[in-house]
PDB file of N, CA and C in Angstrom:
ATOM      1  N   MET A   1      -4.066  11.273 -18.526  1.00  0.00           N
ATOM      2  CA  MET A   1      -5.094  10.362 -18.091  1.00  0.00           C
ATOM      3  C   MET A   1      -6.269  11.195 -17.632  1.00  0.00           C
ATOM      4  N   ASN A   2      -7.461  10.882 -18.111  1.00  0.00           N
ATOM      5  CA  ASN A   2      -8.630  11.636 -17.682  1.00  0.00           C
ATOM      6  C   ASN A   2      -9.200  11.030 -16.414  1.00  0.00           C
ATOM      7  N   GLY A   3     -10.156  11.726 -15.796  1.00  0.00           N
ATOM      8  CA  GLY A   3     -10.692  11.315 -14.518  1.00  0.00           C
ATOM      9  C   GLY A   3     -11.399   9.982 -14.526  1.00  0.00           C
ATOM     10  N   SER A   4     -11.855   9.501 -15.690  1.00  0.00           N
ATOM     11  CA  SER A   4     -12.589   8.247 -15.734  1.00  0.00           C
ATOM     12  C   SER A   4     -11.686   7.036 -15.902  1.00  0.00           C
ATOM     13  N   GLN A   5     -10.396   7.254 -16.175  1.00  0.00           N
ATOM     14  CA  GLN A   5      -9.491   6.137 -16.351  1.00  0.00           C
ATOM     15  C   GLN A   5      -8.666   5.941 -15.087  1.00  0.00           C
ATOM     16  N   LYS A   6      -8.380   4.695 -14.777  1.00  0.00           N
ATOM     17  CA  LYS A   6      -7.507   4.380 -13.670  1.00  0.00           C
ATOM     18  C   LYS A   6      -6.286   3.686 -14.225  1.00  0.00           C
ATOM     19  N   SER A   7      -5.128   4.020 -13.676  1.00  0.00           N
ATOM     20  CA  SER A   7      -3.937   3.312 -14.103  1.00  0.00           C
ATOM     21  C   SER A   7      -3.901   1.962 -13.395  1.00  0.00           C
ATOM     22  N   ALA A   8      -3.241   1.028 -14.027  1.00  0.00           N
ATOM     23  CA  ALA A   8      -3.113  -0.295 -13.426  1.00  0.00           C
ATOM     24  C   ALA A   8      -2.239  -0.173 -12.192  1.00  0.00           C
ATOM     25  N   PRO A   9      -2.531  -0.945 -11.141  1.00  0.00           N
ATOM     26  CA  PRO A   9      -1.681  -0.868  -9.961  1.00  0.00           C
ATOM     27  C   PRO A   9      -0.275  -1.333 -10.287  1.00  0.00           C
ATOM     28  N   VAL A  10       0.681  -0.736  -9.619  1.00  0.00           N
ATOM     29  CA  VAL A  10       2.068  -1.147  -9.787  1.00  0.00           C
ATOM     30  C   VAL A  10       2.237  -2.435  -9.009  1.00  0.00           C
ATOM     31  N   THR A  11       2.748  -3.471  -9.654  1.00  0.00           N
ATOM     32  CA  THR A  11       2.854  -4.763  -8.990  1.00  0.00           C
ATOM     33  C   THR A  11       4.285  -5.263  -8.994  1.00  0.00           C
ATOM     34  N   GLY A  12       4.551  -6.206  -8.113  1.00  0.00           N
ATOM     35  CA  GLY A  12       5.839  -6.881  -8.076  1.00  0.00           C
ATOM     36  C   GLY A  12       7.012  -5.934  -8.024  1.00  0.00           C
ATOM     37  N   SER A  13       7.916  -6.082  -8.971  1.00  0.00           N
ATOM     38  CA  SER A  13       9.127  -5.270  -8.986  1.00  0.00           C
ATOM     39  C   SER A  13       9.005  -4.103  -9.952  1.00  0.00           C
ATOM     40  N   ASP A  14       7.785  -3.641 -10.206  1.00  0.00           N
ATOM     41  CA  ASP A  14       7.579  -2.550 -11.152  1.00  0.00           C
ATOM     42  C   ASP A  14       8.367  -1.304 -10.794  1.00  0.00           C
ATOM     43  N   PHE A  15       8.583  -1.035  -9.516  1.00  0.00           N
ATOM     44  CA  PHE A  15       9.356   0.133  -9.124  1.00  0.00           C
ATOM     45  C   PHE A  15      10.746   0.062  -9.734  1.00  0.00           C
ATOM     46  N   THR A  16      11.379  -1.101  -9.583  1.00  0.00           N
ATOM     47  CA  THR A  16      12.741  -1.226 -10.069  1.00  0.00           C
ATOM     48  C   THR A  16      12.782  -1.337 -11.587  1.00  0.00           C
ATOM     49  N   GLU A  17      11.729  -1.857 -12.193  1.00  0.00           N
ATOM     50  CA  GLU A  17      11.698  -1.973 -13.651  1.00  0.00           C
ATOM     51  C   GLU A  17      11.458  -0.631 -14.334  1.00  0.00           C
ATOM     52  N   CYS A  18      10.510   0.149 -13.816  1.00  0.00           N
ATOM     53  CA  CYS A  18      10.160   1.385 -14.499  1.00  0.00           C
ATOM     54  C   CYS A  18      11.059   2.541 -14.107  1.00  0.00           C
ATOM     55  N   CYS A  19      11.667   2.474 -12.956  1.00  0.00           N
ATOM     56  CA  CYS A  19      12.421   3.626 -12.445  1.00  0.00           C
ATOM     57  C   CYS A  19      13.710   3.168 -11.780  1.00  0.00           C
ATOM     58  N   ALA A  20      14.539   2.468 -12.524  1.00  0.00           N
ATOM     59  CA  ALA A  20      15.768   1.930 -11.949  1.00  0.00           C
ATOM     60  C   ALA A  20      16.637   3.011 -11.326  1.00  0.00           C
ATOM     61  N   ALA A  21      16.564   4.230 -11.869  1.00  0.00           N
ATOM     62  CA  ALA A  21      17.367   5.335 -11.339  1.00  0.00           C
ATOM     63  C   ALA A  21      16.606   6.132 -10.289  1.00  0.00           C
ATOM     64  N   GLY A  22      15.471   5.603  -9.849  1.00  0.00           N
ATOM     65  CA  GLY A  22      14.674   6.329  -8.867  1.00  0.00           C
ATOM     66  C   GLY A  22      14.101   7.594  -9.472  1.00  0.00           C
ATOM     67  N   LEU A  23      14.036   8.615  -8.676  1.00  0.00           N
ATOM     68  CA  LEU A  23      13.498   9.889  -9.154  1.00  0.00           C
ATOM     69  C   LEU A  23      14.613  10.842  -9.570  1.00  0.00           C
ATOM     70  N   SER A  24      15.786  10.281  -9.821  1.00  0.00           N
ATOM     71  CA  SER A  24      16.919  11.126 -10.197  1.00  0.00           C
ATOM     72  C   SER A  24      16.958  11.450 -11.685  1.00  0.00           C
ATOM     73  N   CYS A  25      15.994  10.924 -12.441  1.00  0.00           N
ATOM     74  CA  CYS A  25      15.890  11.252 -13.860  1.00  0.00           C
ATOM     75  C   CYS A  25      14.415  11.212 -14.249  1.00  0.00           C
ATOM     76  N   PRO A  26      14.076  11.817 -15.374  1.00  0.00           N
ATOM     77  CA  PRO A  26      12.664  11.826 -15.788  1.00  0.00           C
ATOM     78  C   PRO A  26      12.121  10.413 -15.983  1.00  0.00           C
ATOM     79  N   ILE A  27      10.832  10.249 -15.689  1.00  0.00           N
ATOM     80  CA  ILE A  27      10.178   8.960 -15.899  1.00  0.00           C
ATOM     81  C   ILE A  27       8.998   9.172 -16.849  1.00  0.00           C
ATOM     82  N   PRO A  28       8.664   8.155 -17.625  1.00  0.00           N
ATOM     83  CA  PRO A  28       7.550   8.277 -18.577  1.00  0.00           C
ATOM     84  C   PRO A  28       6.216   8.510 -17.865  1.00  0.00           C
ATOM     85  N   ASP A  29       5.273   9.093 -18.593  1.00  0.00           N
ATOM     86  CA  ASP A  29       3.948   9.398 -18.033  1.00  0.00           C
ATOM     87  C   ASP A  29       3.293   8.179 -17.394  1.00  0.00           C
ATOM     88  N   GLU A  30       3.297   7.061 -18.099  1.00  0.00           N
ATOM     89  CA  GLU A  30       2.626   5.860 -17.578  1.00  0.00           C
ATOM     90  C   GLU A  30       3.253   5.401 -16.268  1.00  0.00           C
ATOM     91  N   SER A  31       4.569   5.418 -16.192  1.00  0.00           N
ATOM     92  CA  SER A  31       5.242   5.029 -14.955  1.00  0.00           C
ATOM     93  C   SER A  31       4.916   5.998 -13.831  1.00  0.00           C
ATOM     94  N   ALA A  32       4.881   7.282 -14.152  1.00  0.00           N
ATOM     95  CA  ALA A  32       4.547   8.289 -13.138  1.00  0.00           C
ATOM     96  C   ALA A  32       3.132   8.080 -12.620  1.00  0.00           C
ATOM     97  N   GLU A  33       2.208   7.738 -13.492  1.00  0.00           N
ATOM     98  CA  GLU A  33       0.826   7.496 -13.074  1.00  0.00           C
ATOM     99  C   GLU A  33       0.740   6.274 -12.174  1.00  0.00           C
ATOM    100  N   GLN A  34       1.469   5.217 -12.506  1.00  0.00           N
ATOM    101  CA  GLN A  34       1.454   4.007 -11.684  1.00  0.00           C
ATOM    102  C   GLN A  34       2.057   4.272 -10.312  1.00  0.00           C
ATOM    103  N   LEU A  35       3.179   4.990 -10.292  1.00  0.00           N
ATOM    104  CA  LEU A  35       3.812   5.301  -9.014  1.00  0.00           C
ATOM    105  C   LEU A  35       2.939   6.226  -8.173  1.00  0.00           C
ATOM    106  N   ALA A  36       2.279   7.151  -8.834  1.00  0.00           N
ATOM    107  CA  ALA A  36       1.396   8.068  -8.116  1.00  0.00           C
ATOM    108  C   ALA A  36       0.258   7.305  -7.439  1.00  0.00           C
ATOM    109  N   SER A  37      -0.214   6.225  -8.057  1.00  0.00           N
ATOM    110  CA  SER A  37      -1.299   5.455  -7.436  1.00  0.00           C
ATOM    111  C   SER A  37      -0.830   4.812  -6.132  1.00  0.00           C
ATOM    112  N   VAL A  38       0.428   4.401  -6.071  1.00  0.00           N
ATOM    113  CA  VAL A  38       0.966   3.810  -4.843  1.00  0.00           C
ATOM    114  C   VAL A  38       1.146   4.897  -3.786  1.00  0.00           C
ATOM    115  N   VAL A  39       1.706   6.022  -4.184  1.00  0.00           N
ATOM    116  CA  VAL A  39       1.909   7.119  -3.237  1.00  0.00           C
ATOM    117  C   VAL A  39       0.555   7.620  -2.731  1.00  0.00           C
ATOM    118  N   LYS A  40      -0.420   7.688  -3.618  1.00  0.00           N
ATOM    119  CA  LYS A  40      -1.766   8.116  -3.224  1.00  0.00           C
ATOM    120  C   LYS A  40      -2.350   7.157  -2.185  1.00  0.00           C
ATOM    121  N   ALA A  41      -2.090   5.868  -2.336  1.00  0.00           N
ATOM    122  CA  ALA A  41      -2.593   4.890  -1.372  1.00  0.00           C
ATOM    123  C   ALA A  41      -2.020   5.157   0.020  1.00  0.00           C
ATOM    124  N   LEU A  42      -0.821   5.678   0.081  1.00  0.00           N
ATOM    125  CA  LEU A  42      -0.191   5.975   1.367  1.00  0.00           C
ATOM    126  C   LEU A  42      -0.604   7.342   1.917  1.00  0.00           C
ATOM    127  N   ALA A  43      -1.147   8.189   1.072  1.00  0.00           N
ATOM    128  CA  ALA A  43      -1.402   9.584   1.437  1.00  0.00           C
ATOM    129  C   ALA A  43      -2.733   9.786   2.140  1.00  0.00           C
ATOM    130  N   HIS A  44      -2.958   9.018   3.175  1.00  0.00           N
ATOM    131  CA  HIS A  44      -4.165   9.188   3.981  1.00  0.00           C
ATOM    132  C   HIS A  44      -3.793   8.842   5.421  1.00  0.00           C
ATOM    133  N   PRO A  45      -4.159   9.680   6.375  1.00  0.00           N
ATOM    134  CA  PRO A  45      -3.761   9.429   7.765  1.00  0.00           C
ATOM    135  C   PRO A  45      -4.175   8.054   8.294  1.00  0.00           C
ATOM    136  N   ALA A  46      -5.374   7.609   7.991  1.00  0.00           N
ATOM    137  CA  ALA A  46      -5.826   6.301   8.488  1.00  0.00           C
ATOM    138  C   ALA A  46      -4.983   5.177   7.905  1.00  0.00           C
ATOM    139  N   ARG A  47      -4.589   5.303   6.648  1.00  0.00           N
ATOM    140  CA  ARG A  47      -3.782   4.248   6.013  1.00  0.00           C
ATOM    141  C   ARG A  47      -2.378   4.207   6.605  1.00  0.00           C
ATOM    142  N   LEU A  48      -1.825   5.363   6.892  1.00  0.00           N
ATOM    143  CA  LEU A  48      -0.513   5.390   7.538  1.00  0.00           C
ATOM    144  C   LEU A  48      -0.601   4.786   8.939  1.00  0.00           C
ATOM    145  N   GLN A  49      -1.687   5.079   9.649  1.00  0.00           N
ATOM    146  CA  GLN A  49      -1.885   4.492  10.969  1.00  0.00           C
ATOM    147  C   GLN A  49      -2.048   2.980  10.884  1.00  0.00           C
ATOM    148  N   LEU A  50      -2.771   2.512   9.876  1.00  0.00           N
ATOM    149  CA  LEU A  50      -2.934   1.066   9.692  1.00  0.00           C
ATOM    150  C   LEU A  50      -1.591   0.399   9.444  1.00  0.00           C
ATOM    151  N   LEU A  51      -0.766   0.995   8.589  1.00  0.00           N
ATOM    152  CA  LEU A  51       0.561   0.430   8.327  1.00  0.00           C
ATOM    153  C   LEU A  51       1.387   0.369   9.602  1.00  0.00           C
ATOM    154  N   ALA A  52       1.339   1.434  10.386  1.00  0.00           N
ATOM    155  CA  ALA A  52       2.103   1.469  11.631  1.00  0.00           C
ATOM    156  C   ALA A  52       1.602   0.405  12.610  1.00  0.00           C
ATOM    157  N   LEU A  53       0.299   0.244  12.703  1.00  0.00           N
ATOM    158  CA  LEU A  53      -0.266  -0.772  13.602  1.00  0.00           C
ATOM    159  C   LEU A  53       0.140  -2.178  13.172  1.00  0.00           C
ATOM    160  N   ILE A  54       0.057  -2.439  11.894  1.00  0.00           N
ATOM    161  CA  ILE A  54       0.398  -3.776  11.388  1.00  0.00           C
ATOM    162  C   ILE A  54       1.892  -4.033  11.556  1.00  0.00           C
ATOM    163  N   ARG A  55       2.690  -3.050  11.182  1.00  0.00           N
ATOM    164  CA  ARG A  55       4.150  -3.224  11.257  1.00  0.00           C
ATOM    165  C   ARG A  55       4.632  -3.380  12.700  1.00  0.00           C
ATOM    166  N   SER A  56       3.980  -2.717  13.635  1.00  0.00           N
ATOM    167  CA  SER A  56       4.431  -2.763  15.025  1.00  0.00           C
ATOM    168  C   SER A  56       3.840  -3.922  15.824  1.00  0.00           C
ATOM    169  N   SER A  57       2.951  -4.684  15.213  1.00  0.00           N
ATOM    170  CA  SER A  57       2.378  -5.816  15.949  1.00  0.00           C
ATOM    171  C   SER A  57       3.456  -6.880  16.167  1.00  0.00           C
ATOM    172  N   PRO A  58       3.386  -7.602  17.265  1.00  0.00           N
ATOM    173  CA  PRO A  58       4.416  -8.606  17.572  1.00  0.00           C
ATOM    174  C   PRO A  58       4.572  -9.672  16.488  1.00  0.00           C
ATOM    175  N   THR A  59       3.489  -9.983  15.788  1.00  0.00           N
ATOM    176  CA  THR A  59       3.544 -11.020  14.753  1.00  0.00           C
ATOM    177  C   THR A  59       3.671 -10.440  13.341  1.00  0.00           C
ATOM    178  N   ALA A  60       3.751  -9.122  13.224  1.00  0.00           N
ATOM    179  CA  ALA A  60       3.861  -8.419  11.945  1.00  0.00           C
ATOM    180  C   ALA A  60       2.643  -8.640  11.053  1.00  0.00           C
ATOM    181  N   ASP A  61       1.523  -8.967  11.674  1.00  0.00           N
ATOM    182  CA  ASP A  61       0.261  -9.036  10.949  1.00  0.00           C
ATOM    183  C   ASP A  61      -0.853  -8.630  11.906  1.00  0.00           C
ATOM    184  N   ALA A  62      -2.018  -8.368  11.357  1.00  0.00           N
ATOM    185  CA  ALA A  62      -3.132  -7.934  12.200  1.00  0.00           C
ATOM    186  C   ALA A  62      -4.446  -8.341  11.556  1.00  0.00           C
ATOM    187  N   CYS A  63      -5.382  -8.660  12.413  1.00  0.00           N
ATOM    188  CA  CYS A  63      -6.736  -8.986  11.985  1.00  0.00           C
ATOM    189  C   CYS A  63      -7.521  -7.687  11.846  1.00  0.00           C
ATOM    190  N   VAL A  64      -8.353  -7.632  10.842  1.00  0.00           N
ATOM    191  CA  VAL A  64      -9.173  -6.441  10.663  1.00  0.00           C
ATOM    192  C   VAL A  64      -9.992  -6.170  11.919  1.00  0.00           C
ATOM    193  N   CYS A  65     -10.362  -7.201  12.637  1.00  0.00           N
ATOM    194  CA  CYS A  65     -11.158  -7.024  13.862  1.00  0.00           C
ATOM    195  C   CYS A  65     -10.386  -6.268  14.935  1.00  0.00           C
ATOM    196  N   ASP A  66      -9.062  -6.371  14.945  1.00  0.00           N
ATOM    197  CA  ASP A  66      -8.244  -5.650  15.923  1.00  0.00           C
ATOM    198  C   ASP A  66      -7.958  -4.215  15.492  1.00  0.00           C
ATOM    199  N   LEU A  67      -8.015  -3.957  14.219  1.00  0.00           N
ATOM    200  CA  LEU A  67      -7.665  -2.634  13.714  1.00  0.00           C
ATOM    201  C   LEU A  67      -8.785  -1.621  13.879  1.00  0.00           C
ATOM    202  N   THR A  68     -10.017  -2.076  13.899  1.00  0.00           N
ATOM    203  CA  THR A  68     -11.136  -1.138  13.999  1.00  0.00           C
ATOM    204  C   THR A  68     -11.115  -0.405  15.333  1.00  0.00           C
ATOM    205  N   ASP A  69     -10.935  -1.115  16.429  1.00  0.00           N
ATOM    206  CA  ASP A  69     -10.914  -0.480  17.745  1.00  0.00           C
ATOM    207  C   ASP A  69      -9.713   0.458  17.899  1.00  0.00           C
ATOM    208  N   ALA A  70      -8.590   0.054  17.372  1.00  0.00           N
ATOM    209  CA  ALA A  70      -7.378   0.859  17.515  1.00  0.00           C
ATOM    210  C   ALA A  70      -7.503   2.221  16.838  1.00  0.00           C
ATOM    211  N   LEU A  71      -8.291   2.295  15.768  1.00  0.00           N
ATOM    212  CA  LEU A  71      -8.432   3.556  15.032  1.00  0.00           C
ATOM    213  C   LEU A  71      -9.751   4.265  15.307  1.00  0.00           C
ATOM    214  N   SER A  72     -10.595   3.666  16.102  1.00  0.00           N
ATOM    215  CA  SER A  72     -11.924   4.238  16.362  1.00  0.00           C
ATOM    216  C   SER A  72     -12.689   4.493  15.063  1.00  0.00           C
ATOM    217  N   LEU A  73     -12.541   3.580  14.120  1.00  0.00           N
ATOM    218  CA  LEU A  73     -13.272   3.637  12.856  1.00  0.00           C
ATOM    219  C   LEU A  73     -14.150   2.405  12.753  1.00  0.00           C
ATOM    220  N   ARG A  74     -15.194   2.522  11.978  1.00  0.00           N
ATOM    221  CA  ARG A  74     -16.075   1.380  11.759  1.00  0.00           C
ATOM    222  C   ARG A  74     -15.392   0.365  10.844  1.00  0.00           C
ATOM    223  N   GLN A  75     -15.801  -0.879  10.983  1.00  0.00           N
ATOM    224  CA  GLN A  75     -15.182  -1.955  10.211  1.00  0.00           C
ATOM    225  C   GLN A  75     -15.250  -1.731   8.705  1.00  0.00           C
ATOM    226  N   PRO A  76     -16.364  -1.266   8.130  1.00  0.00           N
ATOM    227  CA  PRO A  76     -16.373  -1.041   6.681  1.00  0.00           C
ATOM    228  C   PRO A  76     -15.352   0.016   6.233  1.00  0.00           C
ATOM    229  N   THR A  77     -15.136   1.028   7.064  1.00  0.00           N
ATOM    230  CA  THR A  77     -14.169   2.070   6.732  1.00  0.00           C
ATOM    231  C   THR A  77     -12.750   1.517   6.780  1.00  0.00           C
ATOM    232  N   VAL A  78     -12.447   0.751   7.806  1.00  0.00           N
ATOM    233  CA  VAL A  78     -11.122   0.134   7.914  1.00  0.00           C
ATOM    234  C   VAL A  78     -10.900  -0.823   6.741  1.00  0.00           C
ATOM    235  N   SER A  79     -11.900  -1.618   6.417  1.00  0.00           N
ATOM    236  CA  SER A  79     -11.782  -2.557   5.292  1.00  0.00           C
ATOM    237  C   SER A  79     -11.547  -1.820   3.977  1.00  0.00           C
ATOM    238  N   HIS A  80     -12.190  -0.693   3.799  1.00  0.00           N
ATOM    239  CA  HIS A  80     -11.996   0.122   2.593  1.00  0.00           C
ATOM    240  C   HIS A  80     -10.528   0.561   2.480  1.00  0.00           C
ATOM    241  N   HIS A  81      -9.979   1.077   3.578  1.00  0.00           N
ATOM    242  CA  HIS A  81      -8.583   1.536   3.556  1.00  0.00           C
ATOM    243  C   HIS A  81      -7.623   0.363   3.352  1.00  0.00           C
ATOM    244  N   LEU A  82      -7.914  -0.772   3.965  1.00  0.00           N
ATOM    245  CA  LEU A  82      -7.067  -1.949   3.791  1.00  0.00           C
ATOM    246  C   LEU A  82      -7.108  -2.447   2.347  1.00  0.00           C
ATOM    247  N   LYS A  83      -8.253  -2.366   1.707  1.00  0.00           N
ATOM    248  CA  LYS A  83      -8.363  -2.776   0.309  1.00  0.00           C
ATOM    249  C   LYS A  83      -7.513  -1.883  -0.588  1.00  0.00           C
ATOM    250  N   ILE A  84      -7.525  -0.596  -0.328  1.00  0.00           N
ATOM    251  CA  ILE A  84      -6.705   0.320  -1.126  1.00  0.00           C
ATOM    252  C   ILE A  84      -5.223  -0.018  -0.963  1.00  0.00           C
ATOM    253  N   LEU A  85      -4.791  -0.277   0.251  1.00  0.00           N
ATOM    254  CA  LEU A  85      -3.391  -0.637   0.488  1.00  0.00           C
ATOM    255  C   LEU A  85      -3.045  -1.986  -0.132  1.00  0.00           C
ATOM    256  N   THR A  86      -3.986  -2.917  -0.107  1.00  0.00           N
ATOM    257  CA  THR A  86      -3.773  -4.232  -0.717  1.00  0.00           C
ATOM    258  C   THR A  86      -3.709  -4.116  -2.234  1.00  0.00           C
ATOM    259  N   ASP A  87      -4.634  -3.355  -2.820  1.00  0.00           N
ATOM    260  CA  ASP A  87      -4.636  -3.164  -4.279  1.00  0.00           C
ATOM    261  C   ASP A  87      -3.358  -2.494  -4.765  1.00  0.00           C
ATOM    262  N   ALA A  88      -2.761  -1.658  -3.929  1.00  0.00           N
ATOM    263  CA  ALA A  88      -1.511  -0.980  -4.287  1.00  0.00           C
ATOM    264  C   ALA A  88      -0.298  -1.884  -4.076  1.00  0.00           C
ATOM    265  N   GLY A  89      -0.523  -3.083  -3.534  1.00  0.00           N
ATOM    266  CA  GLY A  89       0.578  -4.021  -3.324  1.00  0.00           C
ATOM    267  C   GLY A  89       1.366  -3.761  -2.058  1.00  0.00           C
ATOM    268  N   ILE A  90       0.867  -2.907  -1.184  1.00  0.00           N
ATOM    269  CA  ILE A  90       1.576  -2.561   0.048  1.00  0.00           C
ATOM    270  C   ILE A  90       1.289  -3.580   1.142  1.00  0.00           C
ATOM    271  N   LEU A  91       0.090  -4.140   1.133  1.00  0.00           N
ATOM    272  CA  LEU A  91      -0.295  -5.156   2.106  1.00  0.00           C
ATOM    273  C   LEU A  91      -0.616  -6.475   1.414  1.00  0.00           C
ATOM    274  N   ARG A  92      -0.456  -7.548   2.175  1.00  0.00           N
ATOM    275  CA  ARG A  92      -0.930  -8.874   1.765  1.00  0.00           C
ATOM    276  C   ARG A  92      -2.155  -9.193   2.608  1.00  0.00           C
ATOM    277  N   ARG A  93      -3.123  -9.866   2.012  1.00  0.00           N
ATOM    278  CA  ARG A  93      -4.349 -10.259   2.719  1.00  0.00           C
ATOM    279  C   ARG A  93      -4.425 -11.774   2.762  1.00  0.00           C
ATOM    280  N   GLU A  94      -4.732 -12.302   3.947  1.00  0.00           N
ATOM    281  CA  GLU A  94      -4.900 -13.740   4.115  1.00  0.00           C
ATOM    282  C   GLU A  94      -6.202 -13.986   4.871  1.00  0.00           C
ATOM    283  N   GLN A  95      -7.025 -14.848   4.328  1.00  0.00           N
ATOM    284  CA  GLN A  95      -8.286 -15.189   4.988  1.00  0.00           C
ATOM    285  C   GLN A  95      -8.022 -16.302   5.986  1.00  0.00           C
ATOM    286  N   ARG A  96      -8.381 -16.062   7.236  1.00  0.00           N
ATOM    287  CA  ARG A  96      -8.270 -17.077   8.289  1.00  0.00           C
ATOM    288  C   ARG A  96      -9.654 -17.206   8.921  1.00  0.00           C
ATOM    289  N   ALA A  97     -10.300 -18.309   8.651  1.00  0.00           N
ATOM    290  CA  ALA A  97     -11.679 -18.537   9.105  1.00  0.00           C
ATOM    291  C   ALA A  97     -12.558 -17.390   8.597  1.00  0.00           C
ATOM    292  N   THR A  98     -13.191 -16.667   9.489  1.00  0.00           N
ATOM    293  CA  THR A  98     -14.109 -15.608   9.038  1.00  0.00           C
ATOM    294  C   THR A  98     -13.446 -14.234   8.968  1.00  0.00           C
ATOM    295  N   TRP A  99     -12.188 -14.130   9.413  1.00  0.00           N
ATOM    296  CA  TRP A  99     -11.528 -12.828   9.448  1.00  0.00           C
ATOM    297  C   TRP A  99     -10.394 -12.733   8.431  1.00  0.00           C
ATOM    298  N   ALA A 100     -10.180 -11.520   7.967  1.00  0.00           N
ATOM    299  CA  ALA A 100      -9.050 -11.245   7.080  1.00  0.00           C
ATOM    300  C   ALA A 100      -7.890 -10.725   7.918  1.00  0.00           C
ATOM    301  N   TRP A 101      -6.724 -11.241   7.642  1.00  0.00           N
ATOM    302  CA  TRP A 101      -5.494 -10.814   8.309  1.00  0.00           C
ATOM    303  C   TRP A 101      -4.605 -10.134   7.287  1.00  0.00           C
ATOM    304  N   TYR A 102      -3.918  -9.104   7.726  1.00  0.00           N
ATOM    305  CA  TYR A 102      -3.097  -8.301   6.827  1.00  0.00           C
ATOM    306  C   TYR A 102      -1.669  -8.238   7.329  1.00  0.00           C
ATOM    307  N   SER A 103      -0.739  -8.275   6.378  1.00  0.00           N
ATOM    308  CA  SER A 103       0.681  -8.093   6.687  1.00  0.00           C
ATOM    309  C   SER A 103       1.273  -7.196   5.610  1.00  0.00           C
ATOM    310  N   ILE A 104       2.365  -6.563   5.959  1.00  0.00           N
ATOM    311  CA  ILE A 104       3.017  -5.647   5.033  1.00  0.00           C
ATOM    312  C   ILE A 104       3.845  -6.443   4.039  1.00  0.00           C
ATOM    313  N   GLU A 105       3.812  -6.017   2.800  1.00  0.00           N
ATOM    314  CA  GLU A 105       4.653  -6.597   1.753  1.00  0.00           C
ATOM    315  C   GLU A 105       6.021  -5.914   1.870  1.00  0.00           C
ATOM    316  N   PRO A 106       7.000  -6.572   2.522  1.00  0.00           N
ATOM    317  CA  PRO A 106       8.263  -5.890   2.816  1.00  0.00           C
ATOM    318  C   PRO A 106       9.020  -5.416   1.581  1.00  0.00           C
ATOM    319  N   GLN A 107       8.986  -6.191   0.512  1.00  0.00           N
ATOM    320  CA  GLN A 107       9.722  -5.782  -0.684  1.00  0.00           C
ATOM    321  C   GLN A 107       9.144  -4.500  -1.274  1.00  0.00           C
ATOM    322  N   ARG A 108       7.849  -4.329  -1.154  1.00  0.00           N
ATOM    323  CA  ARG A 108       7.191  -3.130  -1.673  1.00  0.00           C
ATOM    324  C   ARG A 108       7.707  -1.881  -0.957  1.00  0.00           C
ATOM    325  N   LEU A 109       7.826  -1.971   0.382  1.00  0.00           N
ATOM    326  CA  LEU A 109       8.344  -0.825   1.135  1.00  0.00           C
ATOM    327  C   LEU A 109       9.815  -0.582   0.821  1.00  0.00           C
ATOM    328  N   THR A 110      10.571  -1.646   0.666  1.00  0.00           N
ATOM    329  CA  THR A 110      11.984  -1.509   0.310  1.00  0.00           C
ATOM    330  C   THR A 110      12.123  -0.839  -1.051  1.00  0.00           C
ATOM    331  N   ASP A 111      11.321  -1.277  -2.014  1.00  0.00           N
ATOM    332  CA  ASP A 111      11.374  -0.694  -3.355  1.00  0.00           C
ATOM    333  C   ASP A 111      10.960   0.778  -3.337  1.00  0.00           C
ATOM    334  N   LEU A 112       9.939   1.099  -2.562  1.00  0.00           N
ATOM    335  CA  LEU A 112       9.488   2.485  -2.473  1.00  0.00           C
ATOM    336  C   LEU A 112      10.565   3.354  -1.831  1.00  0.00           C
ATOM    337  N   ALA A 113      11.175   2.865  -0.777  1.00  0.00           N
ATOM    338  CA  ALA A 113      12.255   3.615  -0.127  1.00  0.00           C
ATOM    339  C   ALA A 113      13.425   3.832  -1.089  1.00  0.00           C
ATOM    340  N   ALA A 114      13.782   2.792  -1.834  1.00  0.00           N
ATOM    341  CA  ALA A 114      14.872   2.917  -2.799  1.00  0.00           C
ATOM    342  C   ALA A 114      14.526   3.933  -3.892  1.00  0.00           C
ATOM    343  N   LEU A 115      13.304   3.929  -4.325  1.00  0.00           N
ATOM    344  CA  LEU A 115      12.866   4.859  -5.349  1.00  0.00           C
ATOM    345  C   LEU A 115      13.030   6.304  -4.876  1.00  0.00           C
ATOM    346  N   LEU A 116      12.654   6.553  -3.640  1.00  0.00           N
ATOM    347  CA  LEU A 116      12.680   7.919  -3.112  1.00  0.00           C
ATOM    348  C   LEU A 116      14.080   8.362  -2.719  1.00  0.00           C
ATOM    349  N   THR A 117      14.985   7.431  -2.462  1.00  0.00           N
ATOM    350  CA  THR A 117      16.332   7.822  -2.045  1.00  0.00           C
ATOM    351  C   THR A 117      17.369   7.716  -3.147  1.00  0.00           C
ATOM    352  N   SER A 118      16.991   7.165  -4.288  1.00  0.00           N
ATOM    353  CA  SER A 118      17.940   7.024  -5.400  1.00  0.00           C
ATOM    354  C   SER A 118      18.266   8.359  -6.019  1.00  0.00           C
TER     355      SER A 118
END
């Protein structure tokens, strides 16, 4: 894949479909590129902090307005990171009035964990 092409985001149960044996056997180039896009989405300190904040909230969701102060980042920067996590299928986004609320897609984390431990 050259620098101008983007692989399609891995969606739904793609982890289990493309890599049923996890990383215990070779995977095709296309599957590796799709999985790399998900891992890349996680490979940023702010994104890991966002996941931890959302996961540890009492309601298991968080408003973007609450996440900006917690990370000392500006709202556009937080929104950018949340979009990357949402596009990778790691977060769900729900519009409530004027604010966006985010929650973790639990099956996505389960599938990723299974992929890495298989």
